[in-house]
Amino acid sequence: MNNKPLYNAPISYLHLNNAAKALELYEKAFGAIVVARINYPNDENKILHACMKFGEVPVFISDTNPEKGCGTASNTSYYMHVEDADASFDKAKKAGLEEISAPQDMFWGDRMGTLKDAFGITWSLAQRKQEIPLDEIKRIAKQQGQAA
């Protein structure tokens, strides 16, 4: 048996109300792929554990379950680099995500737009437009009165 870890980095684990709907939404909005799904034996509509891949990055998803210590739905946000921020933003919006801020060029070199899904998860979709040295980003942030 190989004892090498399957993944060698932390993996986000989303506990959601109606995780099956989230899997459908993330497939449609982001092209994520379900690589594993295990439903509760006594309730085929609830997900005990699922793994989706967003590109090469895994995200685990399950339905909330107070008996297992995950009774509250997750509240988190993701920053995801994409090839085309505008096209990805439009695709996510058409899939049902709510616009928070339209894509715009940011001072750190990304073009970024932010949306929220029906589960309360915030998604910032960003496209790298230019490489800006960290010292320059800090200078601009200070000039604009933002933390960096």
Protein backbone atom coordinates (compact mmCIF):
# COMPACT_ATOMS: atom_id res chain seq x y z
CA MET A 1 0.00 0.00 0.00
CA ASN A 2 1.22 3.49 -0.90
CA ASN A 3 1.11 5.85 2.10
CA LYS A 4 1.75 8.94 -0.01
CA PRO A 5 -0.97 11.57 0.59
CA LEU A 6 -3.52 11.88 -2.18
CA TYR A 7 -3.28 15.67 -1.89
CA ASN A 8 -0.35 17.41 -0.22
CA ALA A 9 -2.04 20.72 0.58
CA PRO A 10 -5.12 21.88 2.50
CA ILE A 11 -8.41 21.25 0.73
CA SER A 12 -11.46 23.44 1.13
CA TYR A 13 -14.47 21.58 2.48
CA LEU A 14 -17.85 23.20 1.89
CA HIS A 15 -20.78 22.12 4.06
CA LEU A 16 -23.92 23.34 2.31
CA ASN A 17 -27.67 23.06 2.45
CA ASN A 18 -28.59 21.12 -0.70
CA ALA A 19 -25.08 20.18 -1.78
CA ALA A 20 -26.42 18.35 -4.85
CA LYS A 21 -27.67 21.67 -6.26
CA ALA A 22 -24.23 23.16 -5.59
CA LEU A 23 -22.56 20.40 -7.62
CA GLU A 24 -24.88 21.16 -10.53
CA LEU A 25 -24.31 24.91 -10.24
CA TYR A 26 -20.51 24.64 -10.08
CA GLU A 27 -20.45 22.33 -13.10
CA LYS A 28 -22.55 24.81 -15.08
CA ALA A 29 -20.95 28.04 -13.85
CA PHE A 30 -17.27 27.06 -13.62
CA GLY A 31 -16.88 23.81 -15.55
CA ALA A 32 -15.98 21.97 -12.35
CA ILE A 33 -16.00 18.18 -12.57
CA VAL A 34 -17.43 15.81 -9.96
CA VAL A 35 -14.78 13.12 -9.40
CA ALA A 36 -16.46 11.42 -6.44
CA ARG A 37 -19.91 11.47 -4.86
CA ILE A 38 -21.25 9.45 -1.95
CA ASN A 39 -24.85 9.96 -0.89
CA TYR A 40 -26.18 9.19 2.58
CA PRO A 41 -27.35 5.55 2.60
CA ASN A 42 -30.74 6.51 4.09
CA ASP A 43 -31.23 9.63 1.94
CA GLU A 44 -30.16 9.57 -1.71
CA ASN A 45 -30.86 13.31 -1.98
CA LYS A 46 -28.18 14.25 0.57
CA ILE A 47 -24.45 14.14 -0.05
CA LEU A 48 -22.24 12.57 2.60
CA HIS A 49 -19.08 13.50 0.66
CA ALA A 50 -18.25 14.73 -2.82
CA CYS A 51 -15.06 15.88 -4.49
CA MET A 52 -15.11 18.37 -7.37
CA LYS A 53 -12.14 19.56 -9.33
CA PHE A 54 -11.87 23.15 -10.45
CA GLY A 55 -9.05 22.68 -12.96
CA GLU A 56 -6.51 20.72 -10.90
CA VAL A 57 -7.77 21.98 -7.53
CA PRO A 58 -10.01 19.70 -5.48
CA VAL A 59 -12.84 21.02 -3.31
CA PHE A 60 -14.79 18.72 -1.00
CA ILE A 61 -18.54 19.29 -0.58
CA SER A 62 -21.20 17.76 1.65
CA ASP A 63 -24.62 18.54 3.02
CA THR A 64 -24.74 20.07 6.48
CA ASN A 65 -25.17 17.50 9.26
CA PRO A 66 -25.24 18.58 12.93
CA GLU A 67 -24.60 14.99 14.06
CA LYS A 68 -21.25 15.03 12.27
CA GLY A 69 -20.17 18.45 13.54
CA CYS A 70 -21.05 20.38 10.41
CA GLY A 71 -24.48 21.76 11.19
CA THR A 72 -23.86 25.26 9.88
CA ALA A 73 -23.49 26.03 6.19
CA SER A 74 -20.05 27.23 5.10
CA ASN A 75 -19.38 30.91 4.65
CA THR A 76 -16.25 31.44 2.60
CA SER A 77 -14.94 33.01 -0.55
CA TYR A 78 -12.80 31.88 -3.45
CA TYR A 79 -10.38 33.78 -5.65
CA MET A 80 -10.05 31.85 -8.89
CA HIS A 81 -7.75 32.68 -11.78
CA VAL A 82 -9.33 32.10 -15.18
CA GLU A 83 -8.23 32.63 -18.78
CA ASP A 84 -10.86 35.27 -19.53
CA ALA A 85 -12.39 37.13 -16.57
CA ASP A 86 -15.19 38.72 -18.58
CA ALA A 87 -16.31 35.50 -20.31
CA SER A 88 -16.07 33.48 -17.07
CA PHE A 89 -17.99 36.17 -15.18
CA ASP A 90 -20.76 36.16 -17.80
CA LYS A 91 -20.95 32.36 -17.76
CA ALA A 92 -21.25 32.30 -13.94
CA LYS A 93 -23.87 35.04 -14.01
CA LYS A 94 -25.93 33.16 -16.62
CA ALA A 95 -25.70 30.07 -14.41
CA GLY A 96 -27.42 31.99 -11.63
CA LEU A 97 -24.74 33.70 -9.56
CA GLU A 98 -25.46 37.23 -8.38
CA GLU A 99 -23.15 40.06 -9.44
CA ILE A 100 -21.38 41.87 -6.62
CA SER A 101 -18.94 43.81 -8.79
CA ALA A 102 -18.39 43.66 -12.55
CA PRO A 103 -14.94 42.77 -13.90
CA GLN A 104 -12.51 45.67 -13.76
CA ASP A 105 -8.75 46.15 -13.91
CA MET A 106 -7.26 46.06 -10.41
CA PHE A 107 -4.11 47.80 -9.18
CA TRP A 108 -2.35 44.49 -8.44
CA GLY A 109 -2.44 43.44 -12.11
CA ASP A 110 -5.59 41.32 -12.30
CA ARG A 111 -8.88 41.96 -14.04
CA MET A 112 -11.44 40.77 -11.51
CA GLY A 113 -15.18 40.51 -10.99
CA THR A 114 -17.01 39.13 -7.95
CA LEU A 115 -20.23 37.14 -7.66
CA LYS A 116 -22.17 35.32 -4.93
CA ASP A 117 -23.91 31.99 -5.34
CA ALA A 118 -27.20 30.83 -3.84
CA PHE A 119 -25.28 29.16 -1.00
CA GLY A 120 -23.64 32.40 0.16
CA ILE A 121 -20.21 31.56 -1.28
CA THR A 122 -18.39 34.52 -2.85
CA TRP A 123 -16.43 33.93 -6.06
CA SER A 124 -13.85 36.42 -7.37
CA LEU A 125 -12.92 35.51 -10.94
CA ALA A 126 -9.60 37.00 -11.97
CA GLN A 127 -7.46 37.13 -15.07
CA ARG A 128 -3.77 38.06 -14.73
CA LYS A 129 -3.24 41.06 -17.01
CA GLN A 130 0.23 42.15 -15.91
CA GLU A 131 2.91 41.29 -13.39
CA ILE A 132 3.45 44.12 -10.93
CA PRO A 133 6.25 43.96 -8.33
CA LEU A 134 5.02 43.62 -4.74
CA ASP A 135 6.71 46.89 -3.70
CA GLU A 136 4.75 48.71 -6.41
CA ILE A 137 1.48 47.07 -5.34
CA LYS A 138 2.13 48.15 -1.74
CA ARG A 139 2.93 51.70 -2.87
CA ILE A 140 -0.28 51.96 -4.90
CA ALA A 141 -2.37 50.45 -2.10
CA LYS A 142 -0.96 52.94 0.39
CA GLN A 143 -1.58 55.79 -2.04
CA GLN A 144 -5.18 54.65 -2.48
CA GLY A 145 -5.63 54.18 1.27
CA GLN A 146 -6.04 50.39 1.10
CA ALA A 147 -4.33 47.71 3.13
CA ALA A 148 -1.74 45.56 1.40
